[in-house]
């Protein structure tokens, strides 16, 4: 085994060797993170990918719901305007009918008054 091979074995065994043979400090937290990444990295990437897909689906559903809601609100506003116009037309027709009825009643009273006055 040559010197580079020995250094790599030393690093893999948990120690970091420098070019002059002295040992550097090993950070156990970094090693734990590396082991954790090796053990669970694939699963974590899969989960993150699944979550990203779900996020996209939810956003698409939300956009569709917003579009549907806006369409329904527009339809309700249109229907409300139609009902307002219909109500106003009926109100005006009722006023005309009441006015006509009052005129007929006045004419009937006038006829009764002239018939009794003879």
PDB file of N, CA and C in Angstrom:
ATOM      1  N   UNK A   1       0.863  -1.175   0.000  1.00  0.00           N
ATOM      2  CA  UNK A   1       0.000   0.000   0.000  1.00  0.00           C
ATOM      3  C   UNK A   1       0.903   1.230   0.000  1.00  0.00           C
ATOM      4  N   UNK A   2       0.598   2.200  -0.843  1.00  0.00           N
ATOM      5  CA  UNK A   2       1.428   3.398  -0.899  1.00  0.00           C
ATOM      6  C   UNK A   2       0.949   4.409   0.141  1.00  0.00           C
ATOM      7  N   UNK A   3       1.557   5.586   0.178  1.00  0.00           N
ATOM      8  CA  UNK A   3       1.254   6.591   1.200  1.00  0.00           C
ATOM      9  C   UNK A   3      -0.158   7.149   1.043  1.00  0.00           C
ATOM     10  N   UNK A   4      -0.587   7.387  -0.179  1.00  0.00           N
ATOM     11  CA  UNK A   4      -1.942   7.901  -0.394  1.00  0.00           C
ATOM     12  C   UNK A   4      -2.978   6.874   0.046  1.00  0.00           C
ATOM     13  N   UNK A   5      -2.771   5.629  -0.237  1.00  0.00           N
ATOM     14  CA  UNK A   5      -3.679   4.576   0.188  1.00  0.00           C
ATOM     15  C   UNK A   5      -3.774   4.513   1.696  1.00  0.00           C
ATOM     16  N   UNK A   6      -2.658   4.673   2.374  1.00  0.00           N
ATOM     17  CA  UNK A   6      -2.642   4.646   3.836  1.00  0.00           C
ATOM     18  C   UNK A   6      -3.402   5.837   4.400  1.00  0.00           C
ATOM     19  N   UNK A   7      -3.260   6.989   3.773  1.00  0.00           N
ATOM     20  CA  UNK A   7      -3.991   8.170   4.234  1.00  0.00           C
ATOM     21  C   UNK A   7      -5.491   7.958   4.082  1.00  0.00           C
ATOM     22  N   UNK A   8      -5.911   7.375   2.958  1.00  0.00           N
ATOM     23  CA  UNK A   8      -7.322   7.154   2.731  1.00  0.00           C
ATOM     24  C   UNK A   8      -7.890   6.143   3.716  1.00  0.00           C
ATOM     25  N   UNK A   9      -7.130   5.094   4.025  1.00  0.00           N
ATOM     26  CA  UNK A   9      -7.572   4.118   5.006  1.00  0.00           C
ATOM     27  C   UNK A   9      -7.677   4.790   6.370  1.00  0.00           C
ATOM     28  N   UNK A  10      -6.704   5.639   6.689  1.00  0.00           N
ATOM     29  CA  UNK A  10      -6.734   6.347   7.972  1.00  0.00           C
ATOM     30  C   UNK A  10      -7.951   7.247   8.064  1.00  0.00           C
ATOM     31  N   UNK A  11      -8.303   7.922   6.995  1.00  0.00           N
ATOM     32  CA  UNK A  11      -9.490   8.790   6.986  1.00  0.00           C
ATOM     33  C   UNK A  11     -10.753   7.950   7.113  1.00  0.00           C
ATOM     34  N   UNK A  12     -10.820   6.858   6.412  1.00  0.00           N
ATOM     35  CA  UNK A  12     -11.996   5.998   6.452  1.00  0.00           C
ATOM     36  C   UNK A  12     -12.165   5.367   7.824  1.00  0.00           C
ATOM     37  N   UNK A  13     -11.076   5.130   8.522  1.00  0.00           N
ATOM     38  CA  UNK A  13     -11.139   4.492   9.831  1.00  0.00           C
ATOM     39  C   UNK A  13     -11.564   5.478  10.907  1.00  0.00           C
ATOM     40  N   UNK A  14     -11.784   6.717  10.566  1.00  0.00           N
ATOM     41  CA  UNK A  14     -12.277   7.664  11.555  1.00  0.00           C
ATOM     42  C   UNK A  14     -11.262   8.725  11.893  1.00  0.00           C
ATOM     43  N   UNK A  15     -10.081   8.655  11.401  1.00  0.00           N
ATOM     44  CA  UNK A  15      -9.093   9.684  11.668  1.00  0.00           C
ATOM     45  C   UNK A  15      -8.758  10.374  10.370  1.00  0.00           C
ATOM     46  N   UNK A  16      -8.380  11.633  10.425  1.00  0.00           N
ATOM     47  CA  UNK A  16      -7.983  12.361   9.226  1.00  0.00           C
ATOM     48  C   UNK A  16      -6.488  12.572   9.313  1.00  0.00           C
ATOM     49  N   UNK A  17      -5.785  12.098   8.325  1.00  0.00           N
ATOM     50  CA  UNK A  17      -4.325  12.240   8.327  1.00  0.00           C
ATOM     51  C   UNK A  17      -3.945  13.342   7.373  1.00  0.00           C
ATOM     52  N   UNK A  18      -3.016  14.169   7.786  1.00  0.00           N
ATOM     53  CA  UNK A  18      -2.531  15.221   6.910  1.00  0.00           C
ATOM     54  C   UNK A  18      -1.344  14.695   6.123  1.00  0.00           C
ATOM     55  N   UNK A  19      -0.849  15.476   5.200  1.00  0.00           N
ATOM     56  CA  UNK A  19       0.241  15.033   4.329  1.00  0.00           C
ATOM     57  C   UNK A  19       1.510  14.756   5.123  1.00  0.00           C
ATOM     58  N   UNK A  20       1.737  15.434   6.250  1.00  0.00           N
ATOM     59  CA  UNK A  20       2.967  15.209   7.020  1.00  0.00           C
ATOM     60  C   UNK A  20       2.786  14.161   8.112  1.00  0.00           C
ATOM     61  N   UNK A  21       1.627  13.481   8.139  1.00  0.00           N
ATOM     62  CA  UNK A  21       1.444  12.374   9.060  1.00  0.00           C
ATOM     63  C   UNK A  21       0.791  12.755  10.364  1.00  0.00           C
ATOM     64  N   UNK A  22       0.617  14.028  10.690  1.00  0.00           N
ATOM     65  CA  UNK A  22      -0.042  14.407  11.941  1.00  0.00           C
ATOM     66  C   UNK A  22      -1.545  14.277  11.780  1.00  0.00           C
ATOM     67  N   UNK A  23      -2.251  13.994  12.867  1.00  0.00           N
ATOM     68  CA  UNK A  23      -3.688  13.768  12.797  1.00  0.00           C
ATOM     69  C   UNK A  23      -4.446  15.058  13.092  1.00  0.00           C
ATOM     70  N   UNK A  24      -5.500  15.286  12.315  1.00  0.00           N
ATOM     71  CA  UNK A  24      -6.359  16.455  12.512  1.00  0.00           C
ATOM     72  C   UNK A  24      -7.536  16.041  13.395  1.00  0.00           C
ATOM     73  N   UNK A  25      -8.265  17.013  13.915  1.00  0.00           N
ATOM     74  CA  UNK A  25      -9.410  16.757  14.777  1.00  0.00           C
ATOM     75  C   UNK A  25     -10.587  16.261  13.952  1.00  0.00           C
ATOM     76  N   UNK A  26     -11.258  15.218  14.422  1.00  0.00           N
ATOM     77  CA  UNK A  26     -12.431  14.665  13.757  1.00  0.00           C
ATOM     78  C   UNK A  26     -13.653  15.195  14.486  1.00  0.00           C
ATOM     79  N   UNK A  27     -14.672  15.659  13.727  1.00  0.00           N
ATOM     80  CA  UNK A  27     -15.906  16.171  14.316  1.00  0.00           C
ATOM     81  C   UNK A  27     -16.944  15.050  14.306  1.00  0.00           C
ATOM     82  N   UNK A  28     -17.294  14.523  15.501  1.00  0.00           N
ATOM     83  CA  UNK A  28     -18.241  13.411  15.546  1.00  0.00           C
ATOM     84  C   UNK A  28     -19.612  13.799  14.995  1.00  0.00           C
ATOM     85  N   UNK A  29     -20.030  15.083  15.142  1.00  0.00           N
ATOM     86  CA  UNK A  29     -21.321  15.511  14.612  1.00  0.00           C
ATOM     87  C   UNK A  29     -21.346  15.392  13.096  1.00  0.00           C
ATOM     88  N   UNK A  30     -20.241  15.754  12.444  1.00  0.00           N
ATOM     89  CA  UNK A  30     -20.164  15.658  10.990  1.00  0.00           C
ATOM     90  C   UNK A  30     -20.221  14.197  10.555  1.00  0.00           C
ATOM     91  N   UNK A  31     -19.557  13.342  11.308  1.00  0.00           N
ATOM     92  CA  UNK A  31     -19.572  11.917  10.982  1.00  0.00           C
ATOM     93  C   UNK A  31     -20.975  11.348  11.142  1.00  0.00           C
ATOM     94  N   UNK A  32     -21.649  11.722  12.213  1.00  0.00           N
ATOM     95  CA  UNK A  32     -23.020  11.267  12.448  1.00  0.00           C
ATOM     96  C   UNK A  32     -23.930  11.756  11.329  1.00  0.00           C
ATOM     97  N   UNK A  33     -23.733  13.011  10.918  1.00  0.00           N
ATOM     98  CA  UNK A  33     -24.540  13.553   9.820  1.00  0.00           C
ATOM     99  C   UNK A  33     -24.299  12.782   8.531  1.00  0.00           C
ATOM    100  N   UNK A  34     -23.044  12.416   8.289  1.00  0.00           N
ATOM    101  CA  UNK A  34     -22.725  11.661   7.084  1.00  0.00           C
ATOM    102  C   UNK A  34     -23.366  10.273   7.123  1.00  0.00           C
ATOM    103  N   UNK A  35     -23.293   9.611   8.279  1.00  0.00           N
ATOM    104  CA  UNK A  35     -23.906   8.289   8.427  1.00  0.00           C
ATOM    105  C   UNK A  35     -25.422   8.401   8.270  1.00  0.00           C
ATOM    106  N   UNK A  36     -25.995   9.420   8.892  1.00  0.00           N
ATOM    107  CA  UNK A  36     -27.440   9.645   8.792  1.00  0.00           C
ATOM    108  C   UNK A  36     -27.838   9.867   7.331  1.00  0.00           C
ATOM    109  N   UNK A  37     -27.026  10.651   6.618  1.00  0.00           N
ATOM    110  CA  UNK A  37     -27.314  10.910   5.201  1.00  0.00           C
ATOM    111  C   UNK A  37     -27.213   9.622   4.382  1.00  0.00           C
ATOM    112  N   UNK A  38     -26.221   8.801   4.702  1.00  0.00           N
ATOM    113  CA  UNK A  38     -26.077   7.532   3.982  1.00  0.00           C
ATOM    114  C   UNK A  38     -27.247   6.592   4.261  1.00  0.00           C
ATOM    115  N   UNK A  39     -27.674   6.542   5.526  1.00  0.00           N
ATOM    116  CA  UNK A  39     -28.751   5.629   5.902  1.00  0.00           C
ATOM    117  C   UNK A  39     -30.124   6.111   5.437  1.00  0.00           C
ATOM    118  N   UNK A  40     -30.374   7.391   5.624  1.00  0.00           N
ATOM    119  CA  UNK A  40     -31.731   7.910   5.414  1.00  0.00           C
ATOM    120  C   UNK A  40     -31.834   8.901   4.264  1.00  0.00           C
ATOM    121  N   UNK A  41     -30.751   9.190   3.591  1.00  0.00           N
ATOM    122  CA  UNK A  41     -30.756  10.200   2.522  1.00  0.00           C
ATOM    123  C   UNK A  41     -31.719   9.857   1.403  1.00  0.00           C
ATOM    124  N   UNK A  42     -31.715   8.610   0.964  1.00  0.00           N
ATOM    125  CA  UNK A  42     -32.621   8.205  -0.116  1.00  0.00           C
ATOM    126  C   UNK A  42     -34.075   8.342   0.287  1.00  0.00           C
ATOM    127  N   UNK A  43     -34.390   7.908   1.495  1.00  0.00           N
ATOM    128  CA  UNK A  43     -35.770   8.008   1.985  1.00  0.00           C
ATOM    129  C   UNK A  43     -36.177   9.472   2.119  1.00  0.00           C
ATOM    130  N   UNK A  44     -35.258  10.288   2.611  1.00  0.00           N
ATOM    131  CA  UNK A  44     -35.566  11.705   2.783  1.00  0.00           C
ATOM    132  C   UNK A  44     -35.810  12.364   1.419  1.00  0.00           C
ATOM    133  N   UNK A  45     -34.996  12.025   0.434  1.00  0.00           N
ATOM    134  CA  UNK A  45     -35.189  12.592  -0.903  1.00  0.00           C
ATOM    135  C   UNK A  45     -36.524  12.134  -1.487  1.00  0.00           C
ATOM    136  N   UNK A  46     -36.887  10.878  -1.240  1.00  0.00           N
ATOM    137  CA  UNK A  46     -38.173  10.367  -1.720  1.00  0.00           C
ATOM    138  C   UNK A  46     -39.326  11.109  -1.057  1.00  0.00           C
ATOM    139  N   UNK A  47     -39.217  11.302   0.245  1.00  0.00           N
ATOM    140  CA  UNK A  47     -40.259  12.019   0.983  1.00  0.00           C
ATOM    141  C   UNK A  47     -40.364  13.458   0.492  1.00  0.00           C
ATOM    142  N   UNK A  48     -39.224  14.106   0.306  1.00  0.00           N
ATOM    143  CA  UNK A  48     -39.231  15.485  -0.175  1.00  0.00           C
ATOM    144  C   UNK A  48     -39.832  15.563  -1.572  1.00  0.00           C
ATOM    145  N   UNK A  49     -39.526  14.579  -2.402  1.00  0.00           N
ATOM    146  CA  UNK A  49     -40.099  14.540  -3.746  1.00  0.00           C
ATOM    147  C   UNK A  49     -41.612  14.346  -3.683  1.00  0.00           C
ATOM    148  N   UNK A  50     -42.055  13.430  -2.825  1.00  0.00           N
ATOM    149  CA  UNK A  50     -43.494  13.201  -2.653  1.00  0.00           C
ATOM    150  C   UNK A  50     -44.189  14.447  -2.127  1.00  0.00           C
ATOM    151  N   UNK A  51     -43.561  15.116  -1.160  1.00  0.00           N
ATOM    152  CA  UNK A  51     -44.143  16.343  -0.615  1.00  0.00           C
ATOM    153  C   UNK A  51     -44.215  17.430  -1.681  1.00  0.00           C
ATOM    154  N   UNK A  52     -43.195  17.525  -2.510  1.00  0.00           N
ATOM    155  CA  UNK A  52     -43.219  18.524  -3.582  1.00  0.00           C
ATOM    156  C   UNK A  52     -44.361  18.220  -4.552  1.00  0.00           C
ATOM    157  N   UNK A  53     -44.554  16.943  -4.868  1.00  0.00           N
ATOM    158  CA  UNK A  53     -45.665  16.554  -5.744  1.00  0.00           C
ATOM    159  C   UNK A  53     -47.009  16.883  -5.119  1.00  0.00           C
ATOM    160  N   UNK A  54     -47.146  16.581  -3.843  1.00  0.00           N
ATOM    161  CA  UNK A  54     -48.394  16.898  -3.147  1.00  0.00           C
ATOM    162  C   UNK A  54     -48.632  18.399  -3.109  1.00  0.00           C
ATOM    163  N   UNK A  55     -47.564  19.150  -2.863  1.00  0.00           N
ATOM    164  CA  UNK A  55     -47.672  20.614  -2.827  1.00  0.00           C
ATOM    165  C   UNK A  55     -48.176  21.130  -4.182  1.00  0.00           C
ATOM    166  N   UNK A  56     -47.639  20.584  -5.268  1.00  0.00           N
ATOM    167  CA  UNK A  56     -48.068  21.002  -6.606  1.00  0.00           C
ATOM    168  C   UNK A  56     -49.524  20.636  -6.847  1.00  0.00           C
ATOM    169  N   UNK A  57     -49.919  19.436  -6.420  1.00  0.00           N
ATOM    170  CA  UNK A  57     -51.317  19.023  -6.582  1.00  0.00           C
ATOM    171  C   UNK A  57     -52.248  19.925  -5.781  1.00  0.00           C
ATOM    172  N   UNK A  58     -51.859  20.243  -4.563  1.00  0.00           N
ATOM    173  CA  UNK A  58     -52.692  21.102  -3.714  1.00  0.00           C
ATOM    174  C   UNK A  58     -52.798  22.490  -4.325  1.00  0.00           C
ATOM    175  N   UNK A  59     -51.692  23.016  -4.833  1.00  0.00           N
ATOM    176  CA  UNK A  59     -51.729  24.337  -5.458  1.00  0.00           C
ATOM    177  C   UNK A  59     -52.619  24.325  -6.700  1.00  0.00           C
ATOM    178  N   UNK A  60     -52.537  23.264  -7.491  1.00  0.00           N
ATOM    179  CA  UNK A  60     -53.390  23.160  -8.677  1.00  0.00           C
ATOM    180  C   UNK A  60     -54.860  23.070  -8.263  1.00  0.00           C
ATOM    181  N   UNK A  61     -55.138  22.285  -7.221  1.00  0.00           N
ATOM    182  CA  UNK A  61     -56.512  22.166  -6.726  1.00  0.00           C
ATOM    183  C   UNK A  61     -57.014  23.500  -6.194  1.00  0.00           C
ATOM    184  N   UNK A  62     -56.152  24.206  -5.490  1.00  0.00           N
ATOM    185  CA  UNK A  62     -56.527  25.509  -4.949  1.00  0.00           C
ATOM    186  C   UNK A  62     -56.846  26.485  -6.075  1.00  0.00           C
ATOM    187  N   UNK A  63     -56.018  26.496  -7.115  1.00  0.00           N
ATOM    188  CA  UNK A  63     -56.278  27.381  -8.257  1.00  0.00           C
ATOM    189  C   UNK A  63     -57.598  27.025  -8.920  1.00  0.00           C
ATOM    190  N   UNK A  64     -57.870  25.723  -9.045  1.00  0.00           N
ATOM    191  CA  UNK A  64     -59.136  25.290  -9.649  1.00  0.00           C
ATOM    192  C   UNK A  64     -60.315  25.700  -8.781  1.00  0.00           C
ATOM    193  N   UNK A  65     -60.179  25.540  -7.463  1.00  0.00           N
ATOM    194  CA  UNK A  65     -61.249  25.953  -6.548  1.00  0.00           C
ATOM    195  C   UNK A  65     -61.485  27.453  -6.622  1.00  0.00           C
ATOM    196  N   UNK A  66     -60.401  28.219  -6.709  1.00  0.00           N
ATOM    197  CA  UNK A  66     -60.539  29.670  -6.816  1.00  0.00           C
ATOM    198  C   UNK A  66     -61.254  30.048  -8.110  1.00  0.00           C
ATOM    199  N   UNK A  67     -60.894  29.371  -9.204  1.00  0.00           N
ATOM    200  CA  UNK A  67     -61.545  29.648 -10.486  1.00  0.00           C
ATOM    201  C   UNK A  67     -63.031  29.270 -10.422  1.00  0.00           C
ATOM    202  N   UNK A  68     -63.324  28.104  -9.838  1.00  0.00           N
ATOM    203  CA  UNK A  68     -64.716  27.673  -9.700  1.00  0.00           C
ATOM    204  C   UNK A  68     -65.500  28.644  -8.820  1.00  0.00           C
ATOM    205  N   UNK A  69     -64.882  29.086  -7.739  1.00  0.00           N
ATOM    206  CA  UNK A  69     -65.533  30.019  -6.819  1.00  0.00           C
ATOM    207  C   UNK A  69     -65.819  31.342  -7.521  1.00  0.00           C
ATOM    208  N   UNK A  70     -64.838  31.846  -8.270  1.00  0.00           N
ATOM    209  CA  UNK A  70     -65.028  33.103  -8.992  1.00  0.00           C
ATOM    210  C   UNK A  70     -66.158  32.970 -10.015  1.00  0.00           C
ATOM    211  N   UNK A  71     -66.222  31.819 -10.670  1.00  0.00           N
ATOM    212  CA  UNK A  71     -67.280  31.558 -11.658  1.00  0.00           C
ATOM    213  C   UNK A  71     -68.645  31.531 -10.970  1.00  0.00           C
ATOM    214  N   UNK A  72     -68.730  30.868  -9.821  1.00  0.00           N
ATOM    215  CA  UNK A  72     -69.983  30.800  -9.078  1.00  0.00           C
ATOM    216  C   UNK A  72     -70.413  32.177  -8.574  1.00  0.00           C
ATOM    217  N   UNK A  73     -69.460  32.957  -8.093  1.00  0.00           N
ATOM    218  CA  UNK A  73     -69.774  34.309  -7.615  1.00  0.00           C
ATOM    219  C   UNK A  73     -70.295  35.156  -8.774  1.00  0.00           C
ATOM    220  N   UNK A  74     -69.661  35.053  -9.939  1.00  0.00           N
ATOM    221  CA  UNK A  74     -70.117  35.803 -11.108  1.00  0.00           C
ATOM    222  C   UNK A  74     -71.536  35.378 -11.500  1.00  0.00           C
ATOM    223  N   UNK A  75     -71.811  34.072 -11.452  1.00  0.00           N
ATOM    224  CA  UNK A  75     -73.152  33.581 -11.779  1.00  0.00           C
ATOM    225  C   UNK A  75     -74.185  34.095 -10.774  1.00  0.00           C
ATOM    226  N   UNK A  76     -73.802  34.114  -9.492  1.00  0.00           N
ATOM    227  CA  UNK A  76     -74.715  34.634  -8.464  1.00  0.00           C
ATOM    228  C   UNK A  76     -74.970  36.131  -8.650  1.00  0.00           C
ATOM    229  N   UNK A  77     -73.925  36.870  -9.011  1.00  0.00           N
ATOM    230  CA  UNK A  77     -74.094  38.305  -9.240  1.00  0.00           C
ATOM    231  C   UNK A  77     -75.019  38.557 -10.429  1.00  0.00           C
ATOM    232  N   UNK A  78     -74.852  37.765 -11.483  1.00  0.00           N
ATOM    233  CA  UNK A  78     -75.717  37.889 -12.652  1.00  0.00           C
ATOM    234  C   UNK A  78     -77.158  37.583 -12.281  1.00  0.00           C
ATOM    235  N   UNK A  79     -77.357  36.504 -11.545  1.00  0.00           N
ATOM    236  CA  UNK A  79     -78.712  36.121 -11.118  1.00  0.00           C
ATOM    237  C   UNK A  79     -79.318  37.184 -10.214  1.00  0.00           C
ATOM    238  N   UNK A  80     -78.519  37.766  -9.340  1.00  0.00           N
ATOM    239  CA  UNK A  80     -79.001  38.816  -8.448  1.00  0.00           C
ATOM    240  C   UNK A  80     -79.445  40.033  -9.253  1.00  0.00           C
ATOM    241  N   UNK A  81     -78.685  40.405 -10.264  1.00  0.00           N
ATOM    242  CA  UNK A  81     -79.074  41.533 -11.110  1.00  0.00           C
ATOM    243  C   UNK A  81     -80.378  41.234 -11.847  1.00  0.00           C
ATOM    244  N   UNK A  82     -80.521  39.998 -12.335  1.00  0.00           N
ATOM    245  CA  UNK A  82     -81.771  39.606 -13.005  1.00  0.00           C
ATOM    246  C   UNK A  82     -82.948  39.714 -12.052  1.00  0.00           C
ATOM    247  N   UNK A  83     -82.752  39.240 -10.821  1.00  0.00           N
ATOM    248  CA  UNK A  83     -83.831  39.301  -9.828  1.00  0.00           C
ATOM    249  C   UNK A  83     -84.160  40.747  -9.458  1.00  0.00           C
ATOM    250  N   UNK A  84     -83.135  41.588  -9.373  1.00  0.00           N
ATOM    251  CA  UNK A  84     -83.375  43.003  -9.075  1.00  0.00           C
ATOM    252  C   UNK A  84     -84.205  43.647 -10.184  1.00  0.00           C
ATOM    253  N   UNK A  85     -83.855  43.366 -11.443  1.00  0.00           N
ATOM    254  CA  UNK A  85     -84.605  43.923 -12.568  1.00  0.00           C
ATOM    255  C   UNK A  85     -86.039  43.409 -12.571  1.00  0.00           C
ATOM    256  N   UNK A  86     -86.204  42.112 -12.340  1.00  0.00           N
ATOM    257  CA  UNK A  86     -87.531  41.509 -12.309  1.00  0.00           C
ATOM    258  C   UNK A  86     -88.370  42.113 -11.185  1.00  0.00           C
ATOM    259  N   UNK A  87     -87.752  42.279 -10.025  1.00  0.00           N
ATOM    260  CA  UNK A  87     -88.457  42.862  -8.878  1.00  0.00           C
ATOM    261  C   UNK A  87     -88.862  44.299  -9.173  1.00  0.00           C
ATOM    262  N   UNK A  88     -87.976  45.057  -9.785  1.00  0.00           N
ATOM    263  CA  UNK A  88     -88.299  46.447 -10.115  1.00  0.00           C
ATOM    264  C   UNK A  88     -89.437  46.517 -11.125  1.00  0.00           C
ATOM    265  N   UNK A  89     -89.416  45.632 -12.124  1.00  0.00           N
ATOM    266  CA  UNK A  89     -90.502  45.599 -13.105  1.00  0.00           C
ATOM    267  C   UNK A  89     -91.829  45.249 -12.439  1.00  0.00           C
ATOM    268  N   UNK A  90     -91.804  44.291 -11.534  1.00  0.00           N
ATOM    269  CA  UNK A  90     -93.029  43.908 -10.832  1.00  0.00           C
ATOM    270  C   UNK A  90     -93.517  45.031  -9.925  1.00  0.00           C
ATOM    271  N   UNK A  91     -92.574  45.730  -9.301  1.00  0.00           N
ATOM    272  CA  UNK A  91     -92.952  46.850  -8.437  1.00  0.00           C
ATOM    273  C   UNK A  91     -93.635  47.945  -9.261  1.00  0.00           C
ATOM    274  N   UNK A  92     -93.046  48.267 -10.400  1.00  0.00           N
ATOM    275  CA  UNK A  92     -93.642  49.291 -11.257  1.00  0.00           C
ATOM    276  C   UNK A  92     -95.012  48.845 -11.772  1.00  0.00           C
ATOM    277  N   UNK A  93     -95.116  47.562 -12.134  1.00  0.00           N
ATOM    278  CA  UNK A  93     -96.404  47.034 -12.598  1.00  0.00           C
ATOM    279  C   UNK A  93     -97.440  47.098 -11.472  1.00  0.00           C
ATOM    280  N   UNK A  94     -97.020  46.800 -10.254  1.00  0.00           N
ATOM    281  CA  UNK A  94     -97.935  46.874  -9.113  1.00  0.00           C
ATOM    282  C   UNK A  94     -98.396  48.310  -8.885  1.00  0.00           C
ATOM    283  N   UNK A  95     -97.488  49.260  -9.016  1.00  0.00           N
ATOM    284  CA  UNK A  95     -97.862  50.672  -8.845  1.00  0.00           C
ATOM    285  C   UNK A  95     -98.880  51.075  -9.916  1.00  0.00           C
ATOM    286  N   UNK A  96     -98.649  50.621 -11.165  1.00  0.00           N
ATOM    287  CA  UNK A  96     -99.603  50.926 -12.237  1.00  0.00           C
ATOM    288  C   UNK A  96    -100.962  50.301 -11.930  1.00  0.00           C
ATOM    289  N   UNK A  97    -100.940  49.045 -11.466  1.00  0.00           N
ATOM    290  CA  UNK A  97    -102.193  48.360 -11.145  1.00  0.00           C
ATOM    291  C   UNK A  97    -102.925  49.050 -10.002  1.00  0.00           C
ATOM    292  N   UNK A  98    -102.193  49.482  -8.989  1.00  0.00           N
ATOM    293  CA  UNK A  98    -102.816  50.178  -7.857  1.00  0.00           C
ATOM    294  C   UNK A  98    -103.390  51.507  -8.343  1.00  0.00           C
ATOM    295  N   UNK A  99    -102.624  52.199  -9.170  1.00  0.00           N
ATOM    296  CA  UNK A  99    -103.120  53.474  -9.719  1.00  0.00           C
ATOM    297  C   UNK A  99    -104.368  53.273 -10.551  1.00  0.00           C
ATOM    298  N   UNK A 100    -104.375  52.222 -11.386  1.00  0.00           N
ATOM    299  CA  UNK A 100    -105.547  51.931 -12.210  1.00  0.00           C
ATOM    300  C   UNK A 100    -106.739  51.557 -11.316  1.00  0.00           C
ATOM    301  N   UNK A 101    -106.498  50.792 -10.279  1.00  0.00           N
ATOM    302  CA  UNK A 101    -107.577  50.393  -9.369  1.00  0.00           C
ATOM    303  C   UNK A 101    -108.145  51.614  -8.652  1.00  0.00           C
ATOM    304  N   UNK A 102    -107.268  52.525  -8.265  1.00  0.00           N
ATOM    305  CA  UNK A 102    -107.740  53.745  -7.592  1.00  0.00           C
ATOM    306  C   UNK A 102    -108.569  54.579  -8.566  1.00  0.00           C
ATOM    307  N   UNK A 103    -108.112  54.665  -9.802  1.00  0.00           N
ATOM    308  CA  UNK A 103    -108.873  55.414 -10.811  1.00  0.00           C
ATOM    309  C   UNK A 103    -110.233  54.782 -11.043  1.00  0.00           C
ATOM    310  N   UNK A 104    -110.280  53.455 -11.140  1.00  0.00           N
ATOM    311  CA  UNK A 104    -111.546  52.756 -11.325  1.00  0.00           C
ATOM    312  C   UNK A 104    -112.450  52.968 -10.116  1.00  0.00           C
ATOM    313  N   UNK A 105    -111.884  52.929  -8.925  1.00  0.00           N
ATOM    314  CA  UNK A 105    -112.666  53.142  -7.710  1.00  0.00           C
ATOM    315  C   UNK A 105    -113.217  54.563  -7.688  1.00  0.00           C
ATOM    316  N   UNK A 106    -112.365  55.517  -8.093  1.00  0.00           N
ATOM    317  CA  UNK A 106    -112.847  56.914  -8.148  1.00  0.00           C
ATOM    318  C   UNK A 106    -113.967  57.063  -9.151  1.00  0.00           C
ATOM    319  N   UNK A 107    -113.825  56.407 -10.313  1.00  0.00           N
ATOM    320  CA  UNK A 107    -114.880  56.485 -11.330  1.00  0.00           C
ATOM    321  C   UNK A 107    -116.146  55.829 -10.816  1.00  0.00           C
ATOM    322  N   UNK A 108    -116.033  54.712 -10.116  1.00  0.00           N
ATOM    323  CA  UNK A 108    -117.211  54.025  -9.575  1.00  0.00           C
ATOM    324  C   UNK A 108    -117.886  54.894  -8.531  1.00  0.00           C
ATOM    325  N   UNK A 109    -117.107  55.538  -7.707  1.00  0.00           N
ATOM    326  CA  UNK A 109    -117.681  56.426  -6.675  1.00  0.00           C
ATOM    327  C   UNK A 109    -118.389  57.593  -7.355  1.00  0.00           C
ATOM    328  N   UNK A 110    -117.759  58.104  -8.393  1.00  0.00           N
ATOM    329  CA  UNK A 110    -118.380  59.235  -9.123  1.00  0.00           C
ATOM    330  C   UNK A 110    -119.703  58.783  -9.746  1.00  0.00           C
ATOM    331  N   UNK A 111    -119.733  57.611 -10.348  1.00  0.00           N
ATOM    332  CA  UNK A 111    -120.969  57.104 -10.927  1.00  0.00           C
ATOM    333  C   UNK A 111    -122.039  56.897  -9.865  1.00  0.00           C
ATOM    334  N   UNK A 112    -121.638  56.375  -8.717  1.00  0.00           N
ATOM    335  CA  UNK A 112    -122.604  56.169  -7.633  1.00  0.00           C
ATOM    336  C   UNK A 112    -123.143  57.518  -7.134  1.00  0.00           C
ATOM    337  N   UNK A 113    -122.218  58.454  -7.041  1.00  0.00           N
ATOM    338  CA  UNK A 113    -122.647  59.789  -6.574  1.00  0.00           C
ATOM    339  C   UNK A 113    -123.585  60.451  -7.566  1.00  0.00           C
ATOM    340  N   UNK A 114    -123.324  60.310  -8.824  1.00  0.00           N
ATOM    341  CA  UNK A 114    -124.197  60.942  -9.822  1.00  0.00           C
ATOM    342  C   UNK A 114    -125.495  60.174  -9.951  1.00  0.00           C
ATOM    343  N   UNK A 115    -125.501  58.870  -9.702  1.00  0.00           N
ATOM    344  CA  UNK A 115    -126.721  58.086  -9.778  1.00  0.00           C
ATOM    345  C   UNK A 115    -127.623  58.401  -8.595  1.00  0.00           C
ATOM    346  N   UNK A 116    -127.089  58.681  -7.458  1.00  0.00           N
ATOM    347  CA  UNK A 116    -127.910  58.986  -6.278  1.00  0.00           C
ATOM    348  C   UNK A 116    -128.340  60.435  -6.283  1.00  0.00           C
ATOM    349  N   UNK A 117    -127.635  61.275  -6.995  1.00  0.00           N
ATOM    350  CA  UNK A 117    -127.956  62.683  -7.034  1.00  0.00           C
ATOM    351  C   UNK A 117    -129.058  63.008  -8.009  1.00  0.00           C
ATOM    352  N   UNK A 118    -129.519  62.129  -8.739  1.00  0.00           N
ATOM    353  CA  UNK A 118    -130.556  62.392  -9.727  1.00  0.00           C
ATOM    354  C   UNK A 118    -131.874  62.488  -9.127  1.00  0.00           C
TER     355      UNK A 118
END
